[in-house]
C-alpha atoms as a PDB file:
ATOM      1  CA  MET A   1      89.573  81.833 129.280  1.00  0.00           C
ATOM      2  CA  PHE A   2      85.875  82.591 128.724  1.00  0.00           C
ATOM      3  CA  LYS A   3      86.427  86.297 129.493  1.00  0.00           C
ATOM      4  CA  ARG A   4      89.192  86.430 126.886  1.00  0.00           C
ATOM      5  CA  LEU A   5      86.952  84.834 124.265  1.00  0.00           C
ATOM      6  CA  VAL A   6      84.168  87.312 125.050  1.00  0.00           C
ATOM      7  CA  LEU A   7      86.650  90.191 124.883  1.00  0.00           C
ATOM      8  CA  ILE A   8      88.023  88.953 121.542  1.00  0.00           C
ATOM      9  CA  GLY A   9      84.472  88.518 120.241  1.00  0.00           C
ATOM     10  CA  LEU A  10      83.504  92.054 121.287  1.00  0.00           C
ATOM     11  CA  LEU A  11      86.668  93.422 119.730  1.00  0.00           C
ATOM     12  CA  ALA A  12      85.893  91.607 116.464  1.00  0.00           C
ATOM     13  CA  VAL A  13      82.347  93.012 116.430  1.00  0.00           C
ATOM     14  CA  PHE A  14      83.714  96.510 117.084  1.00  0.00           C
ATOM     15  CA  VAL A  15      86.257  96.216 114.247  1.00  0.00           C
ATOM     16  CA  LEU A  16      83.586  94.957 111.831  1.00  0.00           C
ATOM     17  CA  ALA A  17      81.222  97.753 112.790  1.00  0.00           C
ATOM     18  CA  ALA A  18      83.953 100.372 112.373  1.00  0.00           C
ATOM     19  CA  SER A  19      84.884  99.029 108.935  1.00  0.00           C
ATOM     20  CA  GLN A  20      81.235  99.176 107.837  1.00  0.00           C
ATOM     21  CA  VAL A  21      80.994 102.795 108.987  1.00  0.00           C
ATOM     22  CA  MET A  22      84.139 103.676 107.050  1.00  0.00           C
ATOM     23  CA  ALA A  23      82.849 101.884 103.961  1.00  0.00           C
ATOM     24  CA  GLY A  24      79.574 103.773 104.374  1.00  0.00           C
ATOM     25  CA  GLU A  25      81.458 107.087 104.411  1.00  0.00           C
ATOM     26  CA  GLU A  26      83.217 106.210 101.173  1.00  0.00           C
ATOM     27  CA  LYS A  27      79.878 105.266  99.657  1.00  0.00           C
ATOM     28  CA  ASP A  28      78.422 108.566 100.831  1.00  0.00           C
ATOM     29  CA  ALA A  29      81.299 110.500  99.233  1.00  0.00           C
ATOM     30  CA  LEU A  30      80.722 108.673  95.964  1.00  0.00           C
ATOM     31  CA  TYR A  31      76.996 109.441  96.211  1.00  0.00           C
ATOM     32  CA  TRP A  32      77.658 113.194  96.512  1.00  0.00           C
ATOM     33  CA  TYR A  33      80.281 113.052  93.775  1.00  0.00           C
ATOM     34  CA  LYS A  34      77.831 111.366  91.386  1.00  0.00           C
ATOM     35  CA  LEU A  35      75.181 113.964  92.221  1.00  0.00           C
ATOM     36  CA  GLY A  36      77.670 116.636  91.229  1.00  0.00           C
ATOM     37  CA  LEU A  37      78.365 114.863  87.950  1.00  0.00           C
ATOM     38  CA  ALA A  38      74.648 114.580  87.196  1.00  0.00           C
ATOM     39  CA  THR A  39      74.030 118.294  87.836  1.00  0.00           C
ATOM     40  CA  GLU A  40      75.084 120.530  84.984  1.00  0.00           C
ATOM     41  CA  GLY A  41      73.912 123.584  83.116  1.00  0.00           C
ATOM     42  CA  SER A  42      72.753 126.787  84.741  1.00  0.00           C
ATOM     43  CA  TYR A  43      74.261 129.098  87.341  1.00  0.00           C
ATOM     44  CA  ASP A  44      72.110 127.488  90.049  1.00  0.00           C
ATOM     45  CA  ASP A  45      73.272 124.044  88.930  1.00  0.00           C
ATOM     46  CA  TYR A  46      76.922 125.055  89.330  1.00  0.00           C
ATOM     47  CA  ALA A  47      76.174 126.319  92.834  1.00  0.00           C
ATOM     48  CA  LYS A  48      74.602 122.924  93.584  1.00  0.00           C
ATOM     49  CA  GLN A  49      77.679 121.192  92.192  1.00  0.00           C
ATOM     50  CA  VAL A  50      79.879 123.144  94.594  1.00  0.00           C
ATOM     51  CA  GLU A  51      77.647 121.977  97.439  1.00  0.00           C
ATOM     52  CA  TYR A  52      77.723 118.330  96.329  1.00  0.00           C
ATOM     53  CA  TYR A  53      81.469 118.185  95.716  1.00  0.00           C
ATOM     54  CA  THR A  54      82.102 119.930  99.036  1.00  0.00           C
ATOM     55  CA  LYS A  55      80.147 117.186 100.805  1.00  0.00           C
ATOM     56  CA  ALA A  56      82.160 114.548  98.940  1.00  0.00           C
ATOM     57  CA  ILE A  57      85.400 116.290  99.957  1.00  0.00           C
ATOM     58  CA  GLU A  58      84.304 116.451 103.594  1.00  0.00           C
ATOM     59  CA  LEU A  59      83.824 112.670 103.542  1.00  0.00           C
ATOM     60  CA  ALA A  60      86.909 111.894 101.440  1.00  0.00           C
ATOM     61  CA  PRO A  61      89.360 114.798 101.920  1.00  0.00           C
ATOM     62  CA  ASN A  62      92.127 113.230  99.804  1.00  0.00           C
ATOM     63  CA  TRP A  63      90.044 112.739  96.671  1.00  0.00           C
ATOM     64  CA  ALA A  64      91.754 114.734  93.917  1.00  0.00           C
ATOM     65  CA  TYR A  65      88.918 114.242  91.411  1.00  0.00           C
ATOM     66  CA  ALA A  66      86.386 115.838  93.750  1.00  0.00           C
ATOM     67  CA  PHE A  67      88.640 118.876  94.195  1.00  0.00           C
ATOM     68  CA  ASN A  68      89.112 119.154  90.425  1.00  0.00           C
ATOM     69  CA  ASN A  69      85.383 118.941  89.751  1.00  0.00           C
ATOM     70  CA  ARG A  70      84.542 121.468  92.449  1.00  0.00           C
ATOM     71  CA  GLY A  71      87.162 123.709  90.868  1.00  0.00           C
ATOM     72  CA  VAL A  72      85.353 123.404  87.533  1.00  0.00           C
ATOM     73  CA  ALA A  73      82.086 124.390  89.230  1.00  0.00           C
ATOM     74  CA  TYR A  74      83.802 127.419  90.811  1.00  0.00           C
ATOM     75  CA  TYR A  75      85.262 128.247  87.391  1.00  0.00           C
ATOM     76  CA  ASN A  76      81.779 128.211  85.848  1.00  0.00           C
ATOM     77  CA  LEU A  77      80.639 130.548  88.627  1.00  0.00           C
ATOM     78  CA  ALA A  78      83.590 132.889  87.816  1.00  0.00           C
ATOM     79  CA  MET A  79      85.038 132.316  91.301  1.00  0.00           C
ATOM     80  CA  TRP A  80      88.585 132.292  89.962  1.00  0.00           C
ATOM     81  CA  GLU A  81      90.590 132.153  93.185  1.00  0.00           C
ATOM     82  CA  LYS A  82      88.524 129.316  94.657  1.00  0.00           C
ATOM     83  CA  ALA A  83      88.789 127.412  91.386  1.00  0.00           C
ATOM     84  CA  LYS A  84      92.555 127.886  91.299  1.00  0.00           C
ATOM     85  CA  ALA A  85      92.875 126.726  94.928  1.00  0.00           C
ATOM     86  CA  ASP A  86      90.898 123.554  94.180  1.00  0.00           C
ATOM     87  CA  PHE A  87      92.966 122.781  91.081  1.00  0.00           C
ATOM     88  CA  ASP A  88      96.144 123.320  93.111  1.00  0.00           C
ATOM     89  CA  LYS A  89      94.860 120.948  95.802  1.00  0.00           C
ATOM     90  CA  ALA A  90      93.956 118.327  93.184  1.00  0.00           C
ATOM     91  CA  MET A  91      97.495 118.533  91.765  1.00  0.00           C
ATOM     92  CA  GLU A  92      98.964 118.319  95.272  1.00  0.00           C
ATOM     93  CA  LEU A  93      96.950 115.178  95.995  1.00  0.00           C
ATOM     94  CA  LYS A  94      97.651 113.634  92.589  1.00  0.00           C
ATOM     95  CA  PRO A  95     100.957 114.870  91.176  1.00  0.00           C
ATOM     96  CA  GLY A  96     100.958 114.972  87.388  1.00  0.00           C
ATOM     97  CA  TYR A  97      97.154 115.274  87.210  1.00  0.00           C
ATOM     98  CA  LYS A  98      96.963 116.727  83.670  1.00  0.00           C
ATOM     99  CA  LEU A  99      93.289 117.675  83.721  1.00  0.00           C
ATOM    100  CA  ALA A 100      93.739 119.746  86.890  1.00  0.00           C
ATOM    101  CA  GLN A 101      96.798 121.409  85.318  1.00  0.00           C
ATOM    102  CA  GLU A 102      94.820 122.273  82.192  1.00  0.00           C
ATOM    103  CA  ASN A 103      91.898 123.564  84.234  1.00  0.00           C
ATOM    104  CA  ARG A 104      94.191 125.723  86.337  1.00  0.00           C
ATOM    105  CA  ALA A 105      95.715 127.185  83.174  1.00  0.00           C
ATOM    106  CA  GLY A 106      92.209 128.017  81.979  1.00  0.00           C
ATOM    107  CA  VAL A 107      91.504 129.983  85.149  1.00  0.00           C
ATOM    108  CA  ASN A 108      94.376 132.360  84.462  1.00  0.00           C
ATOM    109  CA  PHE A 109      93.493 132.642  80.799  1.00  0.00           C
ATOM    110  CA  ASN A 110      89.775 133.335  81.253  1.00  0.00           C
ATOM    111  CA  LYS A 111      89.691 135.846  84.094  1.00  0.00           C
ATOM    112  CA  ASP A 112      87.649 138.884  83.106  1.00  0.00           C
ATOM    113  CA  GLY A 113      89.988 141.708  82.186  1.00  0.00           C
ATOM    114  CA  ALA A 114      93.073 139.479  82.584  1.00  0.00           C
ATOM    115  CA  ALA A 115      96.270 141.512  82.546  1.00  0.00           C
ATOM    116  CA  MET A 116      99.434 140.464  80.777  1.00  0.00           C
ATOM    117  CA  GLU A 117     100.713 139.029  84.072  1.00  0.00           C
ATOM    118  CA  GLY A 118      97.740 136.664  84.190  1.00  0.00           C
ATOM    119  CA  TRP A 119      98.298 135.663  80.585  1.00  0.00           C
ATOM    120  CA  GLU A 120     101.958 134.915  81.303  1.00  0.00           C
ATOM    121  CA  GLY A 121     100.921 132.790  84.284  1.00  0.00           C
ATOM    122  CA  SER A 122      98.548 130.876  82.032  1.00  0.00           C
ATOM    123  CA  TYR A 123     101.283 130.388  79.463  1.00  0.00           C
ATOM    124  CA  ARG A 124     103.623 128.936  82.103  1.00  0.00           C
ATOM    125  CA  ASP A 125     100.819 126.656  83.386  1.00  0.00           C
ATOM    126  CA  ARG A 126     100.086 125.429  79.865  1.00  0.00           C
ATOM    127  CA  LEU A 127     103.752 124.685  79.272  1.00  0.00           C
ATOM    128  CA  ALA A 128     103.839 122.689  82.525  1.00  0.00           C
ATOM    129  CA  ALA A 129     100.723 120.787  81.372  1.00  0.00           C
ATOM    130  CA  GLY A 130     102.458 119.786  78.137  1.00  0.00           C
ATOM    131  CA  PHE A 131     100.942 122.247  75.679  1.00  0.00           C
END
């Protein structure tokens, strides 16, 4: 009986410790996300944002908002394909995510030297986003 109580007690301590670690990871993801939000302006700042949002995504890989924001940072760095991939992932994680749809449409529209094919893709994206 005593061994069972000790085993149950150890199991309870293990579960509590594991839940605190998981909560700590979520807190860490939020920390990196907030750093990304607070960093804005120059080319170097956008590179920092990519770094911060990437860390948040590593800790919370199903967080659509972090993917969208990293996509915006890539967009500001003119890294069109990476931005588009992040917006696509954000929409996959959160279907109907209007802001990610609008941002993705902007990628097609604002590529340097965009061809008519890119413009048509942007037009279709904007229609899907409700424009």
